[in-house]
Every structure is written in structure tokens, then in C-alpha cells.
């Protein structure tokens, strides 16, 4: 018969009854991101910001990159929480992913400051709903320049730092279920083509950079209810009812539902996963 010590169980190292510390190595260590440096583009708001917070909770040092002069007010709340509650830090750098020289400069400065570069979530992107017969070449090129070339150049800048420091890393590109299917009733030919390009880009980057222990995967979300989508529902109220009926769960997703997958793909929990697309669309494309 085994003997059990008297008294209540002791909290894991790094924890206390008053203030548990998230991201301790005592709990699912493969998800542990403490001291790792991760960049998230398009993280001034929306999905990118939500995923950045999840990375912070796992212990990572996170840098948000975005073209907005100032991030949303939520950013500052999360940054304060990172410092006071999570034992890490959250930083903002303004950069347009089309400004490649400045992008490279900022990424290199971050790498030099910390002496490492461990991860990237490339969430910067734009959307435009326009019939194919009415699309201008200027609008199409802008879409591809941000959604494909911008993602490519951000990944390249981060990979160069990963290779320099020799520790490998994980790169996650935000694609879409729209890279796999044409959305019924949503007229977005250039956007859908750009997301298909992101999925294929990730496969090719994975094939080239695997030799450096750099993994590259994509996340393909389904419909997410963000502030931007809420505004879209005002213009097209029928979509609020129609869209949930198009997937197997019968509802739309929230940004918070993509927190776990961000930590999974950046962390060692997915250490043998590369060149893959993780589609999270409520079964929309599985009918």
C-alpha cells in the first residue's frame, strides 16, 4: 500500500495559492513558451491580438507588428496584464508589411535585442468584396501585395533571424477556408485566391526551411465574428442567419476559439508538424 504525505498537495514550482503563474513547465511542458520571442503581424486588433494574448499566457515575449499608428485600447490592457500578471512583455511596432526594408530592420532589431527569434504568426491581411468583372488591377495587386507578398516577406525576415541564431522556430500563416472553397454568396475572387496562395506558400517555405528546423504551417479559419464582420452584417443582415447554416456546427466562430491553435503551432506541441494546413471552419468545407 502506497503512503501519502500528510497535509494538502503543494503547488507546482512557480505557482502560489494567491497568484498562480500561467505557463509553468510543470504543466504540459510542450506548450511552454517562456523566454521565447514571437512576432504577430496584424496584431493591433482582432484575431492577431487575441492570439498574441494566448502566446503571452503561455509565457512568450510577444511583439505586435501592424500598420496602424496606434493599436486598439485592448492592446494596452493586455500589455499591462503581461507585465503584472504573466511575467512577460508585450510590445508594439508600427510597420506596413509592404515596406520591406523597414520590416527587415525592425525584425532584425528585435532579434538582436533578445539574441533569438522563435516564432511568427502572420495575421496581417485585407479583405475586399467586389465582383470579378468589376475588379481593378490596382485593387487586385493591393490585395496580393499585402496578403501574399507581405506574408512572404514577413516570413522571410523572421526566418533569416531564426537561421542566424540557429535554434529553429515555428512560422504560422493565417490563411482561410476561402483558400480551399469558394464561399457561397461572398464575392471575393482576389481574397480567396490570395488565401489559396498563402496555403501553397507555406508548403514551399516548409520544404526549403525544414533543414534549419523551421516549421511552417497555416491556420484556415472559418467565419469569425469580429467588429468588422459585425459592420458587414449591418449592410447584409441576411448573412447573420445564412452563414451559420453553412457549417456543421450551425454557428459562427469567435476570435477566442483560435487561441489554443496559436499556442499549439508555435510551441513544441506540434514539433513534427510542418507544411500542413489546419482548417478550423466548423466543418464548412467538409460537407
Protein backbone atom coordinates (compact mmCIF):
# COMPACT_ATOMS: atom_id res chain seq x y z
CA UNK A 1 0.00 0.00 0.00
CA UNK A 2 1.41 3.41 -1.00
CA UNK A 3 1.97 6.04 1.63
CA UNK A 4 0.76 9.63 1.11
CA UNK A 5 2.28 12.60 2.95
CA UNK A 6 0.05 14.45 5.34
CA UNK A 7 -1.27 17.88 4.52
CA UNK A 8 -2.57 19.48 1.33
CA UNK A 9 -0.75 18.99 -2.00
CA UNK A 10 1.95 21.52 -2.77
CA UNK A 11 1.58 23.94 -5.69
CA UNK A 12 4.00 23.39 -8.58
CA UNK A 13 7.15 25.49 -8.66
CA UNK A 14 6.38 28.95 -9.93
CA UNK A 15 2.86 28.86 -8.52
CA UNK A 16 1.33 30.20 -5.35
CA UNK A 17 -2.13 29.86 -3.86
CA UNK A 18 -2.59 33.61 -4.12
CA UNK A 19 -1.35 34.08 -7.68
CA UNK A 20 -0.96 31.06 -9.94
CA UNK A 21 1.66 31.56 -12.63
CA UNK A 22 0.50 30.56 -16.09
CA UNK A 23 2.83 28.75 -18.45
CA UNK A 24 4.86 26.89 -15.82
CA UNK A 25 6.93 23.96 -17.05
CA UNK A 26 5.11 21.75 -14.55
CA UNK A 27 2.01 21.75 -16.76
CA UNK A 28 2.08 20.32 -20.28
CA UNK A 29 5.70 21.40 -20.87
CA UNK A 30 5.42 21.01 -24.65
CA UNK A 31 3.13 24.07 -24.67
CA UNK A 32 5.57 26.11 -22.56
CA UNK A 33 6.80 29.29 -24.33
CA UNK A 34 8.61 31.14 -21.54
CA UNK A 35 11.51 33.30 -22.78
CA UNK A 36 10.67 32.59 -26.42
CA UNK A 37 10.33 35.59 -28.72
CA UNK A 38 7.30 35.53 -31.02
CA UNK A 39 6.13 38.13 -33.55
CA UNK A 40 2.49 38.54 -34.58
CA UNK A 41 1.75 40.70 -37.61
CA UNK A 42 -1.67 42.31 -37.85
CA UNK A 43 -1.94 42.20 -34.05
CA UNK A 44 -3.16 45.73 -33.34
CA UNK A 45 -6.66 44.29 -33.03
CA UNK A 46 -8.86 41.35 -33.96
CA UNK A 47 -7.65 37.78 -34.37
CA UNK A 48 -3.96 38.70 -34.24
CA UNK A 49 -4.36 40.47 -30.90
CA UNK A 50 -6.38 37.61 -29.44
CA UNK A 51 -3.74 35.07 -30.45
CA UNK A 52 -0.96 37.31 -29.13
CA UNK A 53 -2.59 37.28 -25.70
CA UNK A 54 -2.69 33.48 -25.74
CA UNK A 55 1.04 33.36 -26.53
CA UNK A 56 1.69 35.72 -23.62
CA UNK A 57 -0.27 33.45 -21.31
CA UNK A 58 1.95 30.57 -22.41
CA UNK A 59 4.95 32.67 -21.35
CA UNK A 60 6.25 34.13 -24.61
CA UNK A 61 7.70 37.59 -25.17
CA UNK A 62 5.45 38.94 -27.94
CA UNK A 63 5.84 41.76 -30.46
CA UNK A 64 2.79 43.01 -32.35
CA UNK A 65 3.51 44.39 -35.82
CA UNK A 66 0.83 46.44 -37.56
CA UNK A 67 0.46 49.39 -39.91
CA UNK A 68 -1.88 51.30 -37.57
CA UNK A 69 -0.23 54.28 -35.81
CA UNK A 70 -1.79 53.10 -32.54
CA UNK A 71 -3.14 49.68 -31.57
CA UNK A 72 -6.61 49.24 -30.11
CA UNK A 73 -7.15 50.14 -26.44
CA UNK A 74 -7.28 46.41 -25.68
CA UNK A 75 -3.60 46.17 -26.58
CA UNK A 76 -2.57 48.36 -23.65
CA UNK A 77 -4.75 46.39 -21.26
CA UNK A 78 -3.13 43.16 -22.40
CA UNK A 79 0.37 44.68 -22.22
CA UNK A 80 -0.24 45.70 -18.62
CA UNK A 81 -1.52 42.24 -17.78
CA UNK A 82 1.54 40.66 -19.45
CA UNK A 83 3.87 42.62 -17.18
CA UNK A 84 1.95 42.45 -13.92
CA UNK A 85 0.31 39.03 -14.07
CA UNK A 86 2.13 36.89 -16.62
CA UNK A 87 5.78 37.74 -16.01
CA UNK A 88 6.49 38.63 -19.62
CA UNK A 89 6.13 41.60 -22.00
CA UNK A 90 4.06 42.76 -24.98
CA UNK A 91 5.44 45.34 -27.42
CA UNK A 92 4.11 47.25 -30.43
CA UNK A 93 5.97 48.16 -33.62
CA UNK A 94 4.31 50.12 -36.39
CA UNK A 95 5.21 48.79 -39.83
CA UNK A 96 3.45 48.17 -43.12
CA UNK A 97 4.38 44.70 -44.43
CA UNK A 98 4.80 46.27 -47.88
CA UNK A 99 7.68 48.36 -46.54
CA UNK A 100 10.20 45.53 -46.73
CA UNK A 101 13.37 47.47 -45.77
CA UNK A 102 11.73 48.80 -42.61
CA UNK A 103 10.18 45.39 -41.90
CA UNK A 104 13.60 43.73 -42.08
CA UNK A 105 15.12 46.44 -39.90
CA UNK A 106 12.52 46.03 -37.15
CA UNK A 107 12.68 42.23 -37.14
CA UNK A 108 16.48 42.30 -37.03
CA UNK A 109 16.45 44.79 -34.14
CA UNK A 110 14.12 42.54 -32.16
CA UNK A 111 16.32 39.53 -32.82
CA UNK A 112 19.46 41.39 -31.77
CA UNK A 113 17.83 42.69 -28.59
CA UNK A 114 16.88 39.22 -27.37
CA UNK A 115 19.53 37.11 -29.08
CA UNK A 116 16.90 34.80 -30.51
CA UNK A 117 13.82 34.53 -32.72
CA UNK A 118 11.38 31.69 -32.08
CA UNK A 119 8.07 32.25 -33.79
CA UNK A 120 5.82 34.21 -36.10
CA UNK A 121 2.08 34.36 -36.63
CA UNK A 122 1.48 36.26 -39.87
CA UNK A 123 -2.06 37.56 -39.46
CA UNK A 124 -1.82 40.81 -41.43
CA UNK A 125 -4.26 40.86 -44.31
CA UNK A 126 -7.08 42.75 -46.02
CA UNK A 127 -10.45 41.81 -47.49
CA UNK A 128 -12.44 43.27 -50.38
CA UNK A 129 -15.80 42.16 -51.69
CA UNK A 130 -16.04 43.05 -55.38
CA UNK A 131 -17.38 41.06 -58.38
CA UNK A 132 -14.64 39.74 -60.63
CA UNK A 133 -15.93 41.72 -63.62
CA UNK A 134 -15.54 44.95 -61.65
CA UNK A 135 -12.15 44.35 -60.02
CA UNK A 136 -9.45 46.85 -60.97
CA UNK A 137 -5.84 45.76 -61.37
CA UNK A 138 -4.87 48.27 -58.69
CA UNK A 139 -7.21 46.67 -56.15
CA UNK A 140 -6.15 43.16 -57.11
CA UNK A 141 -2.46 43.99 -56.85
CA UNK A 142 -3.00 45.66 -53.46
CA UNK A 143 -4.73 42.51 -52.22
CA UNK A 144 -1.92 40.24 -53.41
CA UNK A 145 0.81 42.62 -52.23
CA UNK A 146 -0.46 42.57 -48.65
CA UNK A 147 -1.98 39.09 -48.37
CA UNK A 148 0.70 37.12 -50.21
CA UNK A 149 3.86 39.18 -50.74
CA UNK A 150 3.56 40.82 -47.31
CA UNK A 151 3.15 37.44 -45.63
CA UNK A 152 6.06 36.07 -47.66
CA UNK A 153 8.40 38.95 -46.79
CA UNK A 154 7.45 38.85 -43.10
CA UNK A 155 8.18 35.12 -43.02
CA UNK A 156 11.48 35.68 -44.82
CA UNK A 157 12.58 38.38 -42.37
CA UNK A 158 11.80 36.16 -39.38
CA UNK A 159 13.37 33.05 -40.95
CA UNK A 160 16.63 34.92 -41.54
CA UNK A 161 16.83 35.66 -37.84
CA UNK A 162 15.94 32.09 -36.90
CA UNK A 163 18.70 30.78 -39.15
CA UNK A 164 21.18 33.30 -37.75
CA UNK A 165 20.57 32.20 -34.16
CA UNK A 166 20.43 28.52 -35.09
CA UNK A 167 17.57 27.48 -32.81
CA UNK A 168 14.95 26.79 -35.46
CA UNK A 169 11.42 28.01 -34.88
CA UNK A 170 7.81 27.92 -35.97
CA UNK A 171 6.06 30.13 -38.52
CA UNK A 172 2.28 30.19 -38.76
CA UNK A 173 0.49 31.88 -41.65
CA UNK A 174 -3.17 32.84 -41.31
CA UNK A 175 -4.93 31.52 -44.39
CA UNK A 176 -8.68 30.86 -44.63
CA UNK A 177 -11.19 28.20 -45.54
CA UNK A 178 -11.65 30.52 -48.54
CA UNK A 179 -8.30 29.25 -49.79
CA UNK A 180 -9.93 25.84 -50.20
CA UNK A 181 -13.52 26.62 -51.19
CA UNK A 182 -15.36 29.44 -52.92
CA UNK A 183 -17.72 30.92 -50.34
CA UNK A 184 -21.34 30.77 -51.42
CA UNK A 185 -22.72 34.30 -51.69
CA UNK A 186 -19.43 36.02 -50.79
CA UNK A 187 -17.91 37.66 -53.86
CA UNK A 188 -14.19 37.81 -53.06
CA UNK A 189 -12.21 36.44 -56.03
CA UNK A 190 -8.92 38.16 -55.22
CA UNK A 191 -9.09 37.50 -51.47
CA UNK A 192 -9.88 33.80 -51.96
CA UNK A 193 -7.07 33.48 -54.49
CA UNK A 194 -4.67 35.19 -52.08
CA UNK A 195 -5.52 32.76 -49.28
CA UNK A 196 -5.03 29.79 -51.58
CA UNK A 197 -1.65 31.32 -52.34
CA UNK A 198 -0.83 31.54 -48.62
CA UNK A 199 -1.53 27.82 -48.17
CA UNK A 200 0.74 26.91 -51.07
CA UNK A 201 3.38 29.42 -49.95
CA UNK A 202 3.57 27.71 -46.55
CA UNK A 203 4.16 24.30 -48.13
CA UNK A 204 7.05 25.65 -50.16
CA UNK A 205 8.63 27.56 -47.28
CA UNK A 206 8.35 24.42 -45.15
CA UNK A 207 10.12 22.39 -47.81
CA UNK A 208 13.02 24.85 -48.03
CA UNK A 209 13.43 25.73 -44.36
CA UNK A 210 12.97 22.33 -42.76
CA UNK A 211 16.74 21.86 -42.98
CA UNK A 212 17.05 24.73 -40.48
CA UNK A 213 14.49 23.18 -38.09
CA UNK A 214 11.99 25.85 -39.07
CA UNK A 215 8.41 24.62 -39.30
CA UNK A 216 5.82 26.43 -41.44
CA UNK A 217 2.08 25.76 -41.18
CA UNK A 218 -1.18 27.55 -41.90
CA UNK A 219 -4.41 28.08 -39.99
CA UNK A 220 -7.54 28.28 -42.13
CA UNK A 221 -10.34 29.82 -40.05
CA UNK A 222 -13.99 29.78 -40.98
CA UNK A 223 -16.26 32.76 -40.49
CA UNK A 224 -15.17 34.76 -37.42
CA UNK A 225 -17.42 37.35 -35.79
CA UNK A 226 -15.16 40.37 -35.42
CA UNK A 227 -16.04 44.06 -35.19
CA UNK A 228 -15.50 44.31 -38.95
CA UNK A 229 -17.90 41.42 -39.61
CA UNK A 230 -20.50 42.97 -37.30
CA UNK A 231 -20.39 46.07 -39.51
CA UNK A 232 -20.78 43.83 -42.56
CA UNK A 233 -23.92 42.30 -41.03
CA UNK A 234 -25.46 45.78 -40.88
CA UNK A 235 -25.04 46.02 -44.64
CA UNK A 236 -26.04 42.40 -45.32
CA UNK A 237 -28.28 41.34 -42.38
CA UNK A 238 -29.26 38.09 -44.12
CA UNK A 239 -25.72 36.78 -43.66
CA UNK A 240 -26.07 36.66 -39.90
CA UNK A 241 -28.69 33.94 -40.42
CA UNK A 242 -27.33 32.30 -43.58
CA UNK A 243 -23.67 31.82 -42.66
CA UNK A 244 -24.19 29.66 -39.56
CA UNK A 245 -26.34 27.27 -41.61
CA UNK A 246 -23.42 26.59 -43.97
CA UNK A 247 -21.29 24.65 -41.46
CA UNK A 248 -21.80 21.51 -39.40
CA UNK A 249 -21.92 23.26 -36.02
CA UNK A 250 -24.60 25.71 -37.09
CA UNK A 251 -22.88 28.77 -35.66
CA UNK A 252 -20.11 31.28 -36.34
CA UNK A 253 -16.76 31.34 -34.53
CA UNK A 254 -15.26 33.91 -32.15
CA UNK A 255 -11.62 35.08 -32.21
CA UNK A 256 -11.06 33.42 -28.80
CA UNK A 257 -11.62 30.00 -30.36
CA UNK A 258 -8.30 30.31 -32.21
CA UNK A 259 -6.18 30.94 -29.10
CA UNK A 260 -5.29 27.32 -28.49
CA UNK A 261 -4.24 26.59 -32.04
CA UNK A 262 -1.84 29.55 -31.97
CA UNK A 263 -0.04 28.17 -28.92
CA UNK A 264 -0.15 24.62 -30.33
CA UNK A 265 1.52 25.55 -33.63
CA UNK A 266 4.13 27.90 -32.16
CA UNK A 267 5.07 25.50 -29.36
CA UNK A 268 6.79 22.11 -29.29
CA UNK A 269 3.35 20.51 -29.01
CA UNK A 270 3.41 20.50 -32.84
CA UNK A 271 7.11 19.70 -33.20
CA UNK A 272 6.61 17.14 -36.03
CA UNK A 273 4.07 19.23 -37.94
CA UNK A 274 5.12 21.27 -40.96
CA UNK A 275 3.78 22.03 -44.41
CA UNK A 276 0.25 21.46 -43.10
CA UNK A 277 -2.98 23.42 -43.19
CA UNK A 278 -5.05 23.29 -40.01
CA UNK A 279 -8.57 24.11 -41.12
CA UNK A 280 -10.91 25.30 -38.34
CA UNK A 281 -14.17 26.09 -40.10
CA UNK A 282 -16.88 24.27 -38.15
CA UNK A 283 -16.97 21.68 -40.91
CA UNK A 284 -17.90 24.26 -43.58
CA UNK A 285 -15.64 22.69 -46.23
CA UNK A 286 -16.28 19.08 -45.17
CA UNK A 287 -19.85 18.74 -46.50
